[in-house]
C-alpha atoms as a PDB file:
ATOM      1  CA  UNK A   1     -16.230 -13.105  19.404  1.00  0.00           C
ATOM      2  CA  UNK A   2     -12.913 -13.256  21.297  1.00  0.00           C
ATOM      3  CA  UNK A   3      -9.973 -11.174  20.791  1.00  0.00           C
ATOM      4  CA  UNK A   4      -8.098 -13.908  19.129  1.00  0.00           C
ATOM      5  CA  UNK A   5     -10.520 -15.120  16.842  1.00  0.00           C
ATOM      6  CA  UNK A   6     -11.186 -11.270  15.629  1.00  0.00           C
ATOM      7  CA  UNK A   7      -7.520 -10.542  15.055  1.00  0.00           C
ATOM      8  CA  UNK A   8      -7.373 -14.040  13.175  1.00  0.00           C
ATOM      9  CA  UNK A   9     -10.178 -12.993  11.149  1.00  0.00           C
ATOM     10  CA  UNK A  10      -8.711  -9.605  10.375  1.00  0.00           C
ATOM     11  CA  UNK A  11      -5.364 -10.961   9.341  1.00  0.00           C
ATOM     12  CA  UNK A  12      -7.375 -12.995   6.903  1.00  0.00           C
ATOM     13  CA  UNK A  13      -8.958 -10.497   5.455  1.00  0.00           C
ATOM     14  CA  UNK A  14      -5.613  -8.269   5.026  1.00  0.00           C
ATOM     15  CA  UNK A  15      -3.933 -11.408   3.192  1.00  0.00           C
ATOM     16  CA  UNK A  16      -7.071 -11.744   0.983  1.00  0.00           C
ATOM     17  CA  UNK A  17      -6.902  -8.199   0.237  1.00  0.00           C
ATOM     18  CA  UNK A  18      -3.431  -8.237  -0.464  1.00  0.00           C
ATOM     19  CA  UNK A  19      -3.598 -11.380  -2.923  1.00  0.00           C
ATOM     20  CA  UNK A  20      -6.438  -9.379  -4.565  1.00  0.00           C
ATOM     21  CA  UNK A  21      -4.248  -6.459  -5.070  1.00  0.00           C
ATOM     22  CA  UNK A  22      -1.068  -8.358  -5.853  1.00  0.00           C
ATOM     23  CA  UNK A  23      -2.051 -11.482  -8.051  1.00  0.00           C
ATOM     24  CA  UNK A  24      -5.978 -10.919  -9.102  1.00  0.00           C
ATOM     25  CA  UNK A  25      -5.794  -7.080 -10.107  1.00  0.00           C
ATOM     26  CA  UNK A  26      -2.364  -6.055 -10.853  1.00  0.00           C
ATOM     27  CA  UNK A  27      -3.878  -4.264 -13.820  1.00  0.00           C
ATOM     28  CA  UNK A  28      -5.032  -1.725 -11.236  1.00  0.00           C
ATOM     29  CA  UNK A  29      -2.815   1.142 -11.083  1.00  0.00           C
ATOM     30  CA  UNK A  30      -1.731   2.713  -7.414  1.00  0.00           C
ATOM     31  CA  UNK A  31      -2.291   5.890  -8.739  1.00  0.00           C
ATOM     32  CA  UNK A  32      -5.684   5.104  -9.266  1.00  0.00           C
ATOM     33  CA  UNK A  33      -6.465   3.760  -5.981  1.00  0.00           C
ATOM     34  CA  UNK A  34      -5.376   6.516  -4.323  1.00  0.00           C
ATOM     35  CA  UNK A  35      -7.069   8.899  -6.680  1.00  0.00           C
ATOM     36  CA  UNK A  36     -10.413   6.668  -6.164  1.00  0.00           C
ATOM     37  CA  UNK A  37      -9.814   5.587  -2.759  1.00  0.00           C
ATOM     38  CA  UNK A  38      -7.379   7.530  -0.774  1.00  0.00           C
ATOM     39  CA  UNK A  39      -4.858   4.721  -0.217  1.00  0.00           C
ATOM     40  CA  UNK A  40      -2.523   2.280  -2.619  1.00  0.00           C
ATOM     41  CA  UNK A  41      -0.301  -0.570  -2.342  1.00  0.00           C
ATOM     42  CA  UNK A  42       2.515   1.828  -0.772  1.00  0.00           C
ATOM     43  CA  UNK A  43      -0.039   2.964   2.049  1.00  0.00           C
ATOM     44  CA  UNK A  44      -0.382  -0.667   2.975  1.00  0.00           C
ATOM     45  CA  UNK A  45       3.280  -1.600   2.899  1.00  0.00           C
ATOM     46  CA  UNK A  46       3.469   2.027   5.074  1.00  0.00           C
ATOM     47  CA  UNK A  47       0.859   1.024   7.392  1.00  0.00           C
ATOM     48  CA  UNK A  48       2.546  -2.608   7.880  1.00  0.00           C
ATOM     49  CA  UNK A  49       5.925  -0.676   8.648  1.00  0.00           C
ATOM     50  CA  UNK A  50       3.948   1.447  11.297  1.00  0.00           C
ATOM     51  CA  UNK A  51       2.209  -1.371  13.100  1.00  0.00           C
ATOM     52  CA  UNK A  52       5.830  -3.055  13.349  1.00  0.00           C
ATOM     53  CA  UNK A  53       7.258   0.133  14.676  1.00  0.00           C
ATOM     54  CA  UNK A  54       4.529   0.019  17.418  1.00  0.00           C
ATOM     55  CA  UNK A  55       5.788  -3.327  18.612  1.00  0.00           C
ATOM     56  CA  UNK A  56       9.330  -1.964  18.711  1.00  0.00           C
ATOM     57  CA  UNK A  57      10.076  -3.621  14.990  1.00  0.00           C
ATOM     58  CA  UNK A  58      12.377  -1.688  12.999  1.00  0.00           C
ATOM     59  CA  UNK A  59      11.387  -2.191   9.159  1.00  0.00           C
ATOM     60  CA  UNK A  60      12.579   0.498   6.837  1.00  0.00           C
ATOM     61  CA  UNK A  61      10.490   1.844   3.787  1.00  0.00           C
ATOM     62  CA  UNK A  62      12.213  -0.289   1.074  1.00  0.00           C
ATOM     63  CA  UNK A  63      11.798  -3.585   3.366  1.00  0.00           C
ATOM     64  CA  UNK A  64       8.029  -3.285   4.030  1.00  0.00           C
ATOM     65  CA  UNK A  65       7.310  -2.434   0.282  1.00  0.00           C
ATOM     66  CA  UNK A  66       9.127  -5.549  -0.351  1.00  0.00           C
ATOM     67  CA  UNK A  67       7.332  -7.553   1.886  1.00  0.00           C
ATOM     68  CA  UNK A  68       4.173  -6.391   1.020  1.00  0.00           C
ATOM     69  CA  UNK A  69       4.868  -6.524  -2.756  1.00  0.00           C
ATOM     70  CA  UNK A  70       6.632  -9.945  -2.305  1.00  0.00           C
ATOM     71  CA  UNK A  71       9.500  -8.327  -4.554  1.00  0.00           C
ATOM     72  CA  UNK A  72      11.765  -4.964  -4.565  1.00  0.00           C
ATOM     73  CA  UNK A  73       9.327  -2.157  -5.417  1.00  0.00           C
ATOM     74  CA  UNK A  74      11.303  -1.311  -8.531  1.00  0.00           C
ATOM     75  CA  UNK A  75      10.672  -4.695  -9.748  1.00  0.00           C
ATOM     76  CA  UNK A  76       7.276  -4.229  -9.297  1.00  0.00           C
ATOM     77  CA  UNK A  77       6.765  -1.022 -10.781  1.00  0.00           C
ATOM     78  CA  UNK A  78       8.709  -2.255 -13.933  1.00  0.00           C
ATOM     79  CA  UNK A  79       6.242  -5.290 -14.296  1.00  0.00           C
ATOM     80  CA  UNK A  80       3.286  -3.510 -13.314  1.00  0.00           C
ATOM     81  CA  UNK A  81       3.008   0.362 -13.730  1.00  0.00           C
ATOM     82  CA  UNK A  82       2.363   2.048 -16.459  1.00  0.00           C
ATOM     83  CA  UNK A  83       2.737   5.864 -17.161  1.00  0.00           C
ATOM     84  CA  UNK A  84       0.346   8.139 -15.534  1.00  0.00           C
ATOM     85  CA  UNK A  85      -1.372  11.150 -17.402  1.00  0.00           C
ATOM     86  CA  UNK A  86      -0.600  14.536 -16.196  1.00  0.00           C
ATOM     87  CA  UNK A  87      -4.363  14.931 -14.929  1.00  0.00           C
ATOM     88  CA  UNK A  88      -3.990  11.852 -13.216  1.00  0.00           C
ATOM     89  CA  UNK A  89      -0.833  13.086 -11.333  1.00  0.00           C
ATOM     90  CA  UNK A  90      -2.617  16.249 -10.472  1.00  0.00           C
ATOM     91  CA  UNK A  91      -5.121  14.145  -9.030  1.00  0.00           C
ATOM     92  CA  UNK A  92      -2.823  11.966  -6.972  1.00  0.00           C
ATOM     93  CA  UNK A  93      -1.010  15.205  -5.597  1.00  0.00           C
ATOM     94  CA  UNK A  94      -4.084  16.244  -4.378  1.00  0.00           C
ATOM     95  CA  UNK A  95      -5.292  12.738  -2.824  1.00  0.00           C
ATOM     96  CA  UNK A  96      -1.896  12.349  -1.135  1.00  0.00           C
ATOM     97  CA  UNK A  97      -1.913  15.398   0.579  1.00  0.00           C
ATOM     98  CA  UNK A  98      -5.720  14.816   1.632  1.00  0.00           C
ATOM     99  CA  UNK A  99      -5.263  11.329   2.669  1.00  0.00           C
ATOM    100  CA  UNK A 100      -1.508  10.906   3.675  1.00  0.00           C
ATOM    101  CA  UNK A 101      -0.162  14.396   4.363  1.00  0.00           C
ATOM    102  CA  UNK A 102       2.610  16.486   2.645  1.00  0.00           C
ATOM    103  CA  UNK A 103       5.015  14.655   0.905  1.00  0.00           C
ATOM    104  CA  UNK A 104       8.070  15.641   2.990  1.00  0.00           C
ATOM    105  CA  UNK A 105       6.341  13.718   6.071  1.00  0.00           C
ATOM    106  CA  UNK A 106       6.291  10.272   4.375  1.00  0.00           C
END
C-alpha cells in the first residue's frame, strides 16, 4: 500500500470514529471513555491541535474542540453531558494522570 492510500484510509477511519462518538453514541460520557480507555473526545481534539502545531498551524484549545465537536464545547456539554458521581470523578483523576499527565500540563 502506498503512503497516500494509507493516509487516506487512516483519515477515513478517524472520521468514522468521530462520527461514532459525536452522532451514534452521544450517550457515552467522556468520563467513561477516559476511565475505561484512557482517552476521550477532548483527547481527540487535543491530538488534532497537536497535529496542527506539528505542521506550524496554531489552533487553540477552544477552536480544536469546536472543530472536533462541531459546536462550542460548552454547547456540547449542555446537550450531552450528565453529572458524574464522586466515584467516577476519582477514577477520572487517576485515569487522566496515568494517560494524559498532570492537569497543569494540559
